[in-house]
Amino acid sequence: MKLKYPLIALVVLIFQVGCMPMSYPPGAKMTSAQLAADSFMTEDGASLPLRSWLPATEPKAVLIALHGFNDYSHFFELPGNYFSKQEVACFAYDQRGFGGAPQRGLWAGSETYAKDLKDLTRLIKQRYPKQPVYLLGESMGGAIVITAMRQTDMPDVAGIILAAPALWARSTMPWYQTSLLWTLAHSFPWMTLTGSGLHVMASDNIDMLREMGRDPLVIKATRVETVYGLADLMDTAYDSASTLSAHTLMLYGEKDEIIPKEPTYAFLQHMLATDTTAKTVAIYQNGYHMLLRDLAAPTAWNDIATWIKTGPDKLPSGADYRARQLLSKG
């Protein structure tokens, strides 16, 4: 009888240890990172599918684009074509666990995603030594860009573009939401969630959303531990607002139903408190979360291309003026 409670405690401990949310980082370094026509080979030998949209002539600038959660590089097909016609070369790759990349559905860890971006940026700068290189992150990709810029050995870039970055940190979530996520991640980390029944609109481009629903490379059911990893990433990105020193263009839609206004505006206030001269914010009155694929996406594409060409001057859409109005009201 004396062993009863210690035995129960041991069983509980084993259960808890066995149900910790996991990340699936890369293996040991096998080779140098390499850039091929249709793939980005990482140091551990992972082959990440790579897409590129190149101008007919020598590009004036280069853009490295990172897709959002459960999506993949195909997201940038239309904007990539547009940028190439503006003499901006665009590259996008499937990040680990997404699209056609290895370990589909598994979370590689924030540091791994940031390192992959760092390595690809170095390779792109070697290929285009005379052109300015910019980083474009959409949703989760934006959070990865922010965290990558924290690295001391991150190659210098001309600027970063954050399209509706994933900034919904735990500190800005209701307690019941964070508690539920923690409980599920530490009890059933392998359980999958579909998001059905949430009734949120990611975009007003319904045809595009239906196409994504039919696309087998877009993940429809997500492991709880992967959502938990995303939350860790958003925590880090959100807490980086005051240290973000790069030339920055941030875009956000007022109708975004995925990343709430409160954490986004709080991040912006902290970001702009340090250095406003290097920061441009654009808020689109009719924009949804997928700003770069919305029905009015060409407006955002044009703003990005203009910002790359001319710097932090007035954007053609006037979305920067609207942002200043809204943010001045708190």
C-alpha atoms as a PDB file:
ATOM      1  CA  MET A   1       0.000   0.000   0.000  1.00  0.00           C
ATOM      2  CA  LYS A   2       2.883   2.350   0.584  1.00  0.00           C
ATOM      3  CA  LEU A   3       3.722   2.182  -3.140  1.00  0.00           C
ATOM      4  CA  LYS A   4       0.256   3.269  -4.244  1.00  0.00           C
ATOM      5  CA  TYR A   5       0.698   7.037  -4.476  1.00  0.00           C
ATOM      6  CA  PRO A   6       4.341   7.061  -5.654  1.00  0.00           C
ATOM      7  CA  LEU A   7       3.303   4.608  -8.384  1.00  0.00           C
ATOM      8  CA  ILE A   8       0.436   6.826  -9.460  1.00  0.00           C
ATOM      9  CA  ALA A   9       2.762   9.824  -9.488  1.00  0.00           C
ATOM     10  CA  LEU A  10       5.244   7.905 -11.625  1.00  0.00           C
ATOM     11  CA  VAL A  11       2.546   6.894 -14.104  1.00  0.00           C
ATOM     12  CA  VAL A  12       1.343  10.498 -14.345  1.00  0.00           C
ATOM     13  CA  LEU A  13       4.917  11.699 -14.865  1.00  0.00           C
ATOM     14  CA  ILE A  14       5.536   9.152 -17.619  1.00  0.00           C
ATOM     15  CA  PHE A  15       2.252  10.137 -19.275  1.00  0.00           C
ATOM     16  CA  GLN A  16       3.180  13.819 -19.167  1.00  0.00           C
ATOM     17  CA  VAL A  17       6.677  13.296 -20.514  1.00  0.00           C
ATOM     18  CA  GLY A  18       5.338  11.109 -23.292  1.00  0.00           C
ATOM     19  CA  CYS A  19       2.822  13.763 -24.327  1.00  0.00           C
ATOM     20  CA  MET A  20       5.017  16.820 -24.532  1.00  0.00           C
ATOM     21  CA  PRO A  21       4.510  18.857 -27.722  1.00  0.00           C
ATOM     22  CA  MET A  22       7.407  18.135 -30.043  1.00  0.00           C
ATOM     23  CA  SER A  23       9.312  19.994 -32.715  1.00  0.00           C
ATOM     24  CA  TYR A  24      11.220  18.168 -35.412  1.00  0.00           C
ATOM     25  CA  PRO A  25      14.469  20.048 -36.066  1.00  0.00           C
ATOM     26  CA  PRO A  26      16.957  19.207 -38.834  1.00  0.00           C
ATOM     27  CA  GLY A  27      19.556  16.514 -38.520  1.00  0.00           C
ATOM     28  CA  ALA A  28      23.306  16.934 -38.416  1.00  0.00           C
ATOM     29  CA  LYS A  29      25.060  19.079 -40.999  1.00  0.00           C
ATOM     30  CA  MET A  30      25.895  16.984 -44.055  1.00  0.00           C
ATOM     31  CA  THR A  31      26.813  19.526 -46.705  1.00  0.00           C
ATOM     32  CA  SER A  32      26.841  23.207 -47.540  1.00  0.00           C
ATOM     33  CA  ALA A  33      23.515  24.836 -48.356  1.00  0.00           C
ATOM     34  CA  GLN A  34      22.971  24.917 -52.122  1.00  0.00           C
ATOM     35  CA  LEU A  35      20.637  26.684 -54.505  1.00  0.00           C
ATOM     36  CA  ALA A  36      19.313  24.856 -57.590  1.00  0.00           C
ATOM     37  CA  ALA A  37      16.777  25.895 -60.198  1.00  0.00           C
ATOM     38  CA  ASP A  38      13.838  24.315 -58.408  1.00  0.00           C
ATOM     39  CA  SER A  39      15.110  23.470 -54.925  1.00  0.00           C
ATOM     40  CA  PHE A  40      16.933  24.848 -51.919  1.00  0.00           C
ATOM     41  CA  MET A  41      19.162  22.208 -50.342  1.00  0.00           C
ATOM     42  CA  THR A  42      19.765  22.832 -46.651  1.00  0.00           C
ATOM     43  CA  GLU A  43      22.856  21.888 -44.656  1.00  0.00           C
ATOM     44  CA  ASP A  44      21.206  18.744 -43.283  1.00  0.00           C
ATOM     45  CA  GLY A  45      20.332  17.558 -46.769  1.00  0.00           C
ATOM     46  CA  ALA A  46      16.652  18.525 -46.828  1.00  0.00           C
ATOM     47  CA  SER A  47      15.417  19.483 -50.295  1.00  0.00           C
ATOM     48  CA  LEU A  48      12.921  22.360 -50.071  1.00  0.00           C
ATOM     49  CA  PRO A  49      10.928  23.013 -53.286  1.00  0.00           C
ATOM     50  CA  LEU A  50      11.784  26.420 -54.741  1.00  0.00           C
ATOM     51  CA  ARG A  51       9.824  28.601 -57.156  1.00  0.00           C
ATOM     52  CA  SER A  52      11.168  31.664 -58.931  1.00  0.00           C
ATOM     53  CA  TRP A  53       9.695  34.436 -61.047  1.00  0.00           C
ATOM     54  CA  LEU A  54      12.443  36.237 -62.945  1.00  0.00           C
ATOM     55  CA  PRO A  55      12.382  39.384 -65.080  1.00  0.00           C
ATOM     56  CA  ALA A  56      13.258  39.146 -68.760  1.00  0.00           C
ATOM     57  CA  THR A  57      16.311  41.318 -68.080  1.00  0.00           C
ATOM     58  CA  GLU A  58      18.700  41.764 -65.158  1.00  0.00           C
ATOM     59  CA  PRO A  59      16.586  42.487 -62.039  1.00  0.00           C
ATOM     60  CA  LYS A  60      16.751  45.802 -60.230  1.00  0.00           C
ATOM     61  CA  ALA A  61      16.005  44.082 -56.888  1.00  0.00           C
ATOM     62  CA  VAL A  62      15.428  40.605 -55.461  1.00  0.00           C
ATOM     63  CA  LEU A  63      12.637  39.404 -53.190  1.00  0.00           C
ATOM     64  CA  ILE A  64      12.677  36.274 -51.007  1.00  0.00           C
ATOM     65  CA  ALA A  65       9.094  35.343 -50.072  1.00  0.00           C
ATOM     66  CA  LEU A  66       7.906  33.144 -47.185  1.00  0.00           C
ATOM     67  CA  HIS A  67       4.431  31.626 -47.211  1.00  0.00           C
ATOM     68  CA  GLY A  68       1.951  31.377 -44.362  1.00  0.00           C
ATOM     69  CA  PHE A  69       0.810  28.564 -42.059  1.00  0.00           C
ATOM     70  CA  ASN A  70      -0.359  25.360 -43.801  1.00  0.00           C
ATOM     71  CA  ASP A  71       0.299  26.977 -47.185  1.00  0.00           C
ATOM     72  CA  TYR A  72       3.277  26.714 -49.526  1.00  0.00           C
ATOM     73  CA  SER A  73       5.232  28.676 -52.140  1.00  0.00           C
ATOM     74  CA  HIS A  74       2.423  28.527 -54.732  1.00  0.00           C
ATOM     75  CA  PHE A  75       0.783  31.311 -52.725  1.00  0.00           C
ATOM     76  CA  PHE A  76       3.122  33.761 -54.487  1.00  0.00           C
ATOM     77  CA  GLU A  77       2.333  32.679 -58.067  1.00  0.00           C
ATOM     78  CA  LEU A  78       0.374  35.820 -58.963  1.00  0.00           C
ATOM     79  CA  PRO A  79       2.345  38.391 -56.913  1.00  0.00           C
ATOM     80  CA  GLY A  80       5.603  36.767 -58.064  1.00  0.00           C
ATOM     81  CA  ASN A  81       4.608  37.207 -61.703  1.00  0.00           C
ATOM     82  CA  TYR A  82       3.669  40.809 -61.009  1.00  0.00           C
ATOM     83  CA  PHE A  83       6.967  41.616 -59.290  1.00  0.00           C
ATOM     84  CA  SER A  84       8.966  40.037 -62.110  1.00  0.00           C
ATOM     85  CA  LYS A  85       7.299  42.466 -64.539  1.00  0.00           C
ATOM     86  CA  GLN A  86       8.430  45.296 -62.258  1.00  0.00           C
ATOM     87  CA  GLU A  87      12.050  44.131 -62.679  1.00  0.00           C
ATOM     88  CA  VAL A  88      12.059  42.462 -59.257  1.00  0.00           C
ATOM     89  CA  ALA A  89      13.156  38.818 -59.119  1.00  0.00           C
ATOM     90  CA  CYS A  90      11.064  36.783 -56.685  1.00  0.00           C
ATOM     91  CA  PHE A  91      11.981  33.493 -54.989  1.00  0.00           C
ATOM     92  CA  ALA A  92       9.727  31.432 -52.699  1.00  0.00           C
ATOM     93  CA  TYR A  93      10.278  28.026 -51.115  1.00  0.00           C
ATOM     94  CA  ASP A  94       8.192  25.441 -49.284  1.00  0.00           C
ATOM     95  CA  GLN A  95       9.230  25.613 -45.643  1.00  0.00           C
ATOM     96  CA  ARG A  96       9.859  22.420 -43.669  1.00  0.00           C
ATOM     97  CA  GLY A  97       6.652  20.569 -42.910  1.00  0.00           C
ATOM     98  CA  PHE A  98       4.631  22.426 -45.543  1.00  0.00           C
ATOM     99  CA  GLY A  99       3.828  21.955 -49.208  1.00  0.00           C
ATOM    100  CA  GLY A 100       6.215  19.486 -50.815  1.00  0.00           C
ATOM    101  CA  ALA A 101       8.919  19.880 -48.159  1.00  0.00           C
ATOM    102  CA  PRO A 102      10.004  16.953 -45.943  1.00  0.00           C
ATOM    103  CA  GLN A 103       8.198  15.981 -42.703  1.00  0.00           C
ATOM    104  CA  ARG A 104       4.846  17.256 -43.882  1.00  0.00           C
ATOM    105  CA  GLY A 105       2.654  18.510 -41.046  1.00  0.00           C
ATOM    106  CA  LEU A 106       5.458  18.543 -38.458  1.00  0.00           C
ATOM    107  CA  TRP A 107       6.830  21.689 -36.834  1.00  0.00           C
ATOM    108  CA  ALA A 108      10.579  22.188 -37.323  1.00  0.00           C
ATOM    109  CA  GLY A 109      10.988  24.919 -34.678  1.00  0.00           C
ATOM    110  CA  SER A 110      11.274  28.704 -34.910  1.00  0.00           C
ATOM    111  CA  GLU A 111      15.076  28.665 -34.897  1.00  0.00           C
ATOM    112  CA  THR A 112      15.156  26.167 -37.762  1.00  0.00           C
ATOM    113  CA  TYR A 113      12.833  28.243 -39.928  1.00  0.00           C
ATOM    114  CA  ALA A 114      14.893  31.353 -39.219  1.00  0.00           C
ATOM    115  CA  LYS A 115      18.151  29.566 -40.036  1.00  0.00           C
ATOM    116  CA  ASP A 116      16.790  28.257 -43.336  1.00  0.00           C
ATOM    117  CA  LEU A 117      15.868  31.814 -44.291  1.00  0.00           C
ATOM    118  CA  LYS A 118      19.302  33.048 -43.245  1.00  0.00           C
ATOM    119  CA  ASP A 119      21.055  30.428 -45.370  1.00  0.00           C
ATOM    120  CA  LEU A 120      18.893  31.081 -48.425  1.00  0.00           C
ATOM    121  CA  THR A 121      19.409  34.834 -48.067  1.00  0.00           C
ATOM    122  CA  ARG A 122      23.159  34.304 -48.093  1.00  0.00           C
ATOM    123  CA  LEU A 123      22.910  32.171 -51.261  1.00  0.00           C
ATOM    124  CA  ILE A 124      20.656  34.689 -53.025  1.00  0.00           C
ATOM    125  CA  LYS A 125      23.034  37.543 -52.148  1.00  0.00           C
ATOM    126  CA  GLN A 126      25.909  35.526 -53.606  1.00  0.00           C
ATOM    127  CA  ARG A 127      23.933  35.032 -56.824  1.00  0.00           C
ATOM    128  CA  TYR A 128      22.890  38.701 -57.003  1.00  0.00           C
ATOM    129  CA  PRO A 129      25.788  40.643 -55.427  1.00  0.00           C
ATOM    130  CA  LYS A 130      24.809  43.987 -57.007  1.00  0.00           C
ATOM    131  CA  GLN A 131      21.064  43.965 -56.329  1.00  0.00           C
ATOM    132  CA  PRO A 132      19.302  44.915 -53.090  1.00  0.00           C
ATOM    133  CA  VAL A 133      17.657  41.917 -51.463  1.00  0.00           C
ATOM    134  CA  TYR A 134      14.332  42.174 -49.618  1.00  0.00           C
ATOM    135  CA  LEU A 135      12.471  39.672 -47.454  1.00  0.00           C
ATOM    136  CA  LEU A 136       8.700  39.289 -47.799  1.00  0.00           C
ATOM    137  CA  GLY A 137       6.809  37.305 -45.175  1.00  0.00           C
ATOM    138  CA  GLU A 138       3.097  36.542 -45.324  1.00  0.00           C
ATOM    139  CA  SER A 139       1.343  35.654 -42.026  1.00  0.00           C
ATOM    140  CA  MET A 140       3.536  32.932 -40.429  1.00  0.00           C
ATOM    141  CA  GLY A 141       6.214  33.878 -42.945  1.00  0.00           C
ATOM    142  CA  GLY A 142       6.168  37.421 -41.567  1.00  0.00           C
ATOM    143  CA  ALA A 143       6.754  36.147 -38.046  1.00  0.00           C
ATOM    144  CA  ILE A 144       9.697  34.086 -39.326  1.00  0.00           C
ATOM    145  CA  VAL A 145      11.186  37.123 -41.058  1.00  0.00           C
ATOM    146  CA  ILE A 146      10.940  39.088 -37.800  1.00  0.00           C
ATOM    147  CA  THR A 147      12.626  36.348 -35.764  1.00  0.00           C
ATOM    148  CA  ALA A 148      15.315  35.832 -38.398  1.00  0.00           C
ATOM    149  CA  MET A 149      16.216  39.516 -38.214  1.00  0.00           C
ATOM    150  CA  ARG A 150      17.076  38.981 -34.524  1.00  0.00           C
ATOM    151  CA  GLN A 151      20.010  36.739 -35.460  1.00  0.00           C
ATOM    152  CA  THR A 152      23.395  38.398 -35.133  1.00  0.00           C
ATOM    153  CA  ASP A 153      24.728  36.576 -38.201  1.00  0.00           C
ATOM    154  CA  MET A 154      21.739  37.353 -40.431  1.00  0.00           C
ATOM    155  CA  PRO A 155      22.994  38.725 -43.776  1.00  0.00           C
ATOM    156  CA  ASP A 156      22.225  42.384 -44.369  1.00  0.00           C
ATOM    157  CA  VAL A 157      19.102  43.025 -46.422  1.00  0.00           C
ATOM    158  CA  ALA A 158      17.768  46.224 -47.920  1.00  0.00           C
ATOM    159  CA  GLY A 159      14.437  45.865 -46.143  1.00  0.00           C
ATOM    160  CA  ILE A 160      11.648  43.583 -44.987  1.00  0.00           C
ATOM    161  CA  ILE A 161       7.987  43.453 -45.988  1.00  0.00           C
ATOM    162  CA  LEU A 162       5.471  41.998 -43.534  1.00  0.00           C
ATOM    163  CA  ALA A 163       2.059  41.135 -44.986  1.00  0.00           C
ATOM    164  CA  ALA A 164      -0.420  40.514 -42.158  1.00  0.00           C
ATOM    165  CA  PRO A 165       2.302  38.934 -39.982  1.00  0.00           C
ATOM    166  CA  ALA A 166       1.284  36.328 -37.406  1.00  0.00           C
ATOM    167  CA  LEU A 167       1.535  38.321 -34.170  1.00  0.00           C
ATOM    168  CA  TRP A 168      -1.222  36.850 -32.011  1.00  0.00           C
ATOM    169  CA  ALA A 169       1.019  36.180 -29.028  1.00  0.00           C
ATOM    170  CA  ARG A 170      -0.188  34.252 -25.992  1.00  0.00           C
ATOM    171  CA  SER A 171       0.028  37.427 -23.894  1.00  0.00           C
ATOM    172  CA  THR A 172      -2.739  38.896 -26.071  1.00  0.00           C
ATOM    173  CA  MET A 173      -4.970  35.790 -26.138  1.00  0.00           C
ATOM    174  CA  PRO A 174      -7.811  35.138 -23.673  1.00  0.00           C
ATOM    175  CA  TRP A 175      -6.766  32.845 -20.805  1.00  0.00           C
ATOM    176  CA  TYR A 176      -9.163  30.075 -21.764  1.00  0.00           C
ATOM    177  CA  GLN A 177      -7.650  29.886 -25.240  1.00  0.00           C
ATOM    178  CA  THR A 178      -4.066  29.577 -24.009  1.00  0.00           C
ATOM    179  CA  SER A 179      -5.136  27.096 -21.329  1.00  0.00           C
ATOM    180  CA  LEU A 180      -6.938  24.900 -23.853  1.00  0.00           C
ATOM    181  CA  LEU A 181      -3.972  24.961 -26.230  1.00  0.00           C
ATOM    182  CA  TRP A 182      -1.555  24.032 -23.436  1.00  0.00           C
ATOM    183  CA  THR A 183      -3.790  21.216 -22.237  1.00  0.00           C
ATOM    184  CA  LEU A 184      -4.282  19.731 -25.698  1.00  0.00           C
ATOM    185  CA  ALA A 185      -0.602  20.094 -26.616  1.00  0.00           C
ATOM    186  CA  HIS A 186       0.481  18.314 -23.428  1.00  0.00           C
ATOM    187  CA  SER A 187      -2.206  15.628 -23.622  1.00  0.00           C
ATOM    188  CA  PHE A 188      -2.873  14.870 -27.284  1.00  0.00           C
ATOM    189  CA  PRO A 189      -0.116  16.610 -29.300  1.00  0.00           C
ATOM    190  CA  TRP A 190      -0.751  14.314 -32.275  1.00  0.00           C
ATOM    191  CA  MET A 191      -4.453  15.231 -32.479  1.00  0.00           C
ATOM    192  CA  THR A 192      -5.415  17.181 -35.594  1.00  0.00           C
ATOM    193  CA  LEU A 193      -7.621  20.243 -35.885  1.00  0.00           C
ATOM    194  CA  THR A 194      -9.375  21.363 -39.059  1.00  0.00           C
ATOM    195  CA  GLY A 195     -10.680  24.814 -38.186  1.00  0.00           C
ATOM    196  CA  SER A 196     -14.103  23.915 -39.564  1.00  0.00           C
ATOM    197  CA  GLY A 197     -16.903  25.707 -37.815  1.00  0.00           C
ATOM    198  CA  LEU A 198     -14.853  28.809 -36.980  1.00  0.00           C
ATOM    199  CA  HIS A 199     -16.688  30.871 -39.618  1.00  0.00           C
ATOM    200  CA  VAL A 200     -13.856  33.289 -40.370  1.00  0.00           C
ATOM    201  CA  MET A 201     -13.018  34.750 -43.773  1.00  0.00           C
ATOM    202  CA  ALA A 202      -9.356  34.675 -44.733  1.00  0.00           C
ATOM    203  CA  SER A 203     -10.031  36.569 -47.967  1.00  0.00           C
ATOM    204  CA  ASP A 204     -12.805  37.959 -50.147  1.00  0.00           C
ATOM    205  CA  ASN A 205     -11.325  36.022 -53.078  1.00  0.00           C
ATOM    206  CA  ILE A 206     -13.693  33.056 -52.834  1.00  0.00           C
ATOM    207  CA  ASP A 207     -12.457  31.366 -56.009  1.00  0.00           C
ATOM    208  CA  MET A 208      -8.909  31.399 -54.618  1.00  0.00           C
ATOM    209  CA  LEU A 209     -10.065  29.940 -51.290  1.00  0.00           C
ATOM    210  CA  ARG A 210     -11.916  27.155 -53.085  1.00  0.00           C
ATOM    211  CA  GLU A 211      -8.806  26.427 -55.138  1.00  0.00           C
ATOM    212  CA  MET A 212      -6.803  26.147 -51.914  1.00  0.00           C
ATOM    213  CA  GLY A 213      -9.435  23.759 -50.559  1.00  0.00           C
ATOM    214  CA  ARG A 214      -8.857  21.485 -53.551  1.00  0.00           C
ATOM    215  CA  ASP A 215      -5.064  21.776 -53.480  1.00  0.00           C
ATOM    216  CA  PRO A 216      -3.577  18.602 -51.932  1.00  0.00           C
ATOM    217  CA  LEU A 217      -0.430  20.480 -50.897  1.00  0.00           C
ATOM    218  CA  VAL A 218      -2.379  22.867 -48.652  1.00  0.00           C
ATOM    219  CA  ILE A 219      -2.676  21.263 -45.209  1.00  0.00           C
ATOM    220  CA  LYS A 220      -6.287  20.934 -44.037  1.00  0.00           C
ATOM    221  CA  ALA A 221      -5.832  19.126 -40.685  1.00  0.00           C
ATOM    222  CA  THR A 222      -3.145  20.458 -38.333  1.00  0.00           C
ATOM    223  CA  ARG A 223      -1.451  18.670 -35.437  1.00  0.00           C
ATOM    224  CA  VAL A 224      -1.989  20.392 -32.087  1.00  0.00           C
ATOM    225  CA  GLU A 225       1.765  20.438 -31.413  1.00  0.00           C
ATOM    226  CA  THR A 226       2.247  22.318 -34.708  1.00  0.00           C
ATOM    227  CA  VAL A 227      -0.249  24.952 -33.578  1.00  0.00           C
ATOM    228  CA  TYR A 228       1.653  25.104 -30.280  1.00  0.00           C
ATOM    229  CA  GLY A 229       4.888  25.696 -32.202  1.00  0.00           C
ATOM    230  CA  LEU A 230       3.226  28.480 -34.169  1.00  0.00           C
ATOM    231  CA  ALA A 231       2.174  30.087 -30.883  1.00  0.00           C
ATOM    232  CA  ASP A 232       5.812  29.996 -29.727  1.00  0.00           C
ATOM    233  CA  LEU A 233       6.835  31.701 -32.965  1.00  0.00           C
ATOM    234  CA  MET A 234       4.177  34.401 -32.579  1.00  0.00           C
ATOM    235  CA  ASP A 235       5.328  35.038 -28.994  1.00  0.00           C
ATOM    236  CA  THR A 236       8.877  35.676 -30.184  1.00  0.00           C
ATOM    237  CA  ALA A 237       7.817  37.835 -33.126  1.00  0.00           C
ATOM    238  CA  TYR A 238       5.464  39.942 -31.014  1.00  0.00           C
ATOM    239  CA  ASP A 239       8.138  40.533 -28.383  1.00  0.00           C
ATOM    240  CA  SER A 240      10.574  41.710 -31.078  1.00  0.00           C
ATOM    241  CA  ALA A 241       8.683  44.908 -31.945  1.00  0.00           C
ATOM    242  CA  SER A 242      11.009  47.324 -30.163  1.00  0.00           C
ATOM    243  CA  THR A 243      14.176  45.671 -31.496  1.00  0.00           C
ATOM    244  CA  LEU A 244      13.173  45.557 -35.160  1.00  0.00           C
ATOM    245  CA  SER A 245      15.631  47.965 -36.776  1.00  0.00           C
ATOM    246  CA  ALA A 246      15.421  47.015 -40.448  1.00  0.00           C
ATOM    247  CA  HIS A 247      13.752  49.185 -43.070  1.00  0.00           C
ATOM    248  CA  THR A 248      10.238  47.833 -42.808  1.00  0.00           C
ATOM    249  CA  LEU A 249       6.998  47.936 -44.753  1.00  0.00           C
ATOM    250  CA  MET A 250       4.108  46.370 -42.860  1.00  0.00           C
ATOM    251  CA  LEU A 251       0.729  45.749 -44.458  1.00  0.00           C
ATOM    252  CA  TYR A 252      -2.494  44.908 -42.626  1.00  0.00           C
ATOM    253  CA  GLY A 253      -6.160  44.666 -43.613  1.00  0.00           C
ATOM    254  CA  GLU A 254      -8.873  46.182 -41.458  1.00  0.00           C
ATOM    255  CA  LYS A 255     -11.073  43.149 -42.195  1.00  0.00           C
ATOM    256  CA  ASP A 256      -8.451  40.627 -41.070  1.00  0.00           C
ATOM    257  CA  GLU A 257     -10.347  37.926 -39.149  1.00  0.00           C
ATOM    258  CA  ILE A 258      -7.306  35.703 -38.556  1.00  0.00           C
ATOM    259  CA  ILE A 259      -4.869  37.991 -36.706  1.00  0.00           C
ATOM    260  CA  PRO A 260      -6.837  40.404 -34.476  1.00  0.00           C
ATOM    261  CA  LYS A 261      -6.357  44.167 -34.467  1.00  0.00           C
ATOM    262  CA  GLU A 262      -5.378  44.413 -30.793  1.00  0.00           C
ATOM    263  CA  PRO A 263      -2.060  42.532 -30.941  1.00  0.00           C
ATOM    264  CA  THR A 264      -1.283  43.932 -34.379  1.00  0.00           C
ATOM    265  CA  TYR A 265      -1.816  47.559 -33.352  1.00  0.00           C
ATOM    266  CA  ALA A 266       0.075  47.016 -30.088  1.00  0.00           C
ATOM    267  CA  PHE A 267       3.006  45.596 -32.066  1.00  0.00           C
ATOM    268  CA  LEU A 268       2.903  48.583 -34.410  1.00  0.00           C
ATOM    269  CA  GLN A 269       2.905  51.071 -31.556  1.00  0.00           C
ATOM    270  CA  HIS A 270       5.994  49.435 -30.039  1.00  0.00           C
ATOM    271  CA  MET A 271       7.695  49.139 -33.429  1.00  0.00           C
ATOM    272  CA  LEU A 272       7.102  52.776 -34.320  1.00  0.00           C
ATOM    273  CA  ALA A 273       8.213  53.999 -30.881  1.00  0.00           C
ATOM    274  CA  THR A 274      11.846  53.262 -31.729  1.00  0.00           C
ATOM    275  CA  ASP A 275      12.402  54.626 -35.247  1.00  0.00           C
ATOM    276  CA  THR A 276       9.625  55.829 -37.510  1.00  0.00           C
ATOM    277  CA  THR A 277      11.872  57.035 -40.326  1.00  0.00           C
ATOM    278  CA  ALA A 278      12.707  53.477 -41.388  1.00  0.00           C
ATOM    279  CA  LYS A 279       9.176  52.119 -40.912  1.00  0.00           C
ATOM    280  CA  THR A 280       6.192  52.371 -43.248  1.00  0.00           C
ATOM    281  CA  VAL A 281       2.797  50.996 -42.221  1.00  0.00           C
ATOM    282  CA  ALA A 282      -0.059  50.461 -44.667  1.00  0.00           C
ATOM    283  CA  ILE A 283      -3.577  49.622 -43.512  1.00  0.00           C
ATOM    284  CA  TYR A 284      -6.129  48.661 -46.160  1.00  0.00           C
ATOM    285  CA  GLN A 285      -9.736  49.473 -45.397  1.00  0.00           C
ATOM    286  CA  ASN A 286     -11.133  46.532 -47.383  1.00  0.00           C
ATOM    287  CA  GLY A 287      -8.206  44.160 -46.864  1.00  0.00           C
ATOM    288  CA  TYR A 288      -8.497  40.681 -45.389  1.00  0.00           C
ATOM    289  CA  HIS A 289      -5.780  38.419 -43.990  1.00  0.00           C
ATOM    290  CA  MET A 290      -4.600  37.210 -47.393  1.00  0.00           C
ATOM    291  CA  LEU A 291      -3.851  40.717 -48.598  1.00  0.00           C
ATOM    292  CA  LEU A 292      -1.613  39.478 -51.396  1.00  0.00           C
ATOM    293  CA  ARG A 293      -4.355  37.200 -52.788  1.00  0.00           C
ATOM    294  CA  ASP A 294      -7.467  39.286 -52.050  1.00  0.00           C
ATOM    295  CA  LEU A 295      -9.580  40.615 -54.919  1.00  0.00           C
ATOM    296  CA  ALA A 296      -7.809  43.956 -54.453  1.00  0.00           C
ATOM    297  CA  ALA A 297      -4.365  42.338 -54.114  1.00  0.00           C
ATOM    298  CA  PRO A 298      -2.846  44.286 -57.064  1.00  0.00           C
ATOM    299  CA  THR A 299      -3.169  47.423 -54.949  1.00  0.00           C
ATOM    300  CA  ALA A 300      -0.900  45.921 -52.291  1.00  0.00           C
ATOM    301  CA  TRP A 301       1.474  44.534 -54.944  1.00  0.00           C
ATOM    302  CA  ASN A 302       1.836  48.007 -56.435  1.00  0.00           C
ATOM    303  CA  ASP A 303       2.517  49.525 -53.008  1.00  0.00           C
ATOM    304  CA  ILE A 304       5.245  46.927 -52.361  1.00  0.00           C
ATOM    305  CA  ALA A 305       6.893  47.476 -55.756  1.00  0.00           C
ATOM    306  CA  THR A 306       6.783  51.252 -55.281  1.00  0.00           C
ATOM    307  CA  TRP A 307       8.275  50.982 -51.778  1.00  0.00           C
ATOM    308  CA  ILE A 308      11.106  48.828 -53.118  1.00  0.00           C
ATOM    309  CA  LYS A 309      11.822  51.316 -55.901  1.00  0.00           C
ATOM    310  CA  THR A 310      11.430  54.608 -54.043  1.00  0.00           C
ATOM    311  CA  GLY A 311      11.710  53.839 -50.336  1.00  0.00           C
ATOM    312  CA  PRO A 312       9.450  55.177 -47.576  1.00  0.00           C
ATOM    313  CA  ASP A 313       7.711  57.813 -49.677  1.00  0.00           C
ATOM    314  CA  LYS A 314       3.960  58.021 -50.043  1.00  0.00           C
ATOM    315  CA  LEU A 315       2.390  54.775 -51.217  1.00  0.00           C
ATOM    316  CA  PRO A 316       0.193  54.967 -54.344  1.00  0.00           C
ATOM    317  CA  SER A 317      -2.846  53.530 -52.533  1.00  0.00           C
ATOM    318  CA  GLY A 318      -2.744  56.002 -49.650  1.00  0.00           C
ATOM    319  CA  ALA A 319      -2.863  53.079 -47.204  1.00  0.00           C
ATOM    320  CA  ASP A 320       0.083  54.573 -45.320  1.00  0.00           C
ATOM    321  CA  TYR A 321      -1.883  57.772 -44.730  1.00  0.00           C
ATOM    322  CA  ARG A 322      -4.825  55.741 -43.413  1.00  0.00           C
ATOM    323  CA  ALA A 323      -2.459  53.870 -41.082  1.00  0.00           C
ATOM    324  CA  ARG A 324      -1.148  57.109 -39.607  1.00  0.00           C
ATOM    325  CA  GLN A 325      -4.721  58.265 -38.996  1.00  0.00           C
ATOM    326  CA  LEU A 326      -5.784  55.051 -37.296  1.00  0.00           C
ATOM    327  CA  LEU A 327      -2.665  54.616 -35.188  1.00  0.00           C
ATOM    328  CA  SER A 328      -2.743  58.212 -33.999  1.00  0.00           C
ATOM    329  CA  LYS A 329      -6.133  57.468 -32.424  1.00  0.00           C
ATOM    330  CA  GLY A 330      -4.601  54.619 -30.430  1.00  0.00           C
END
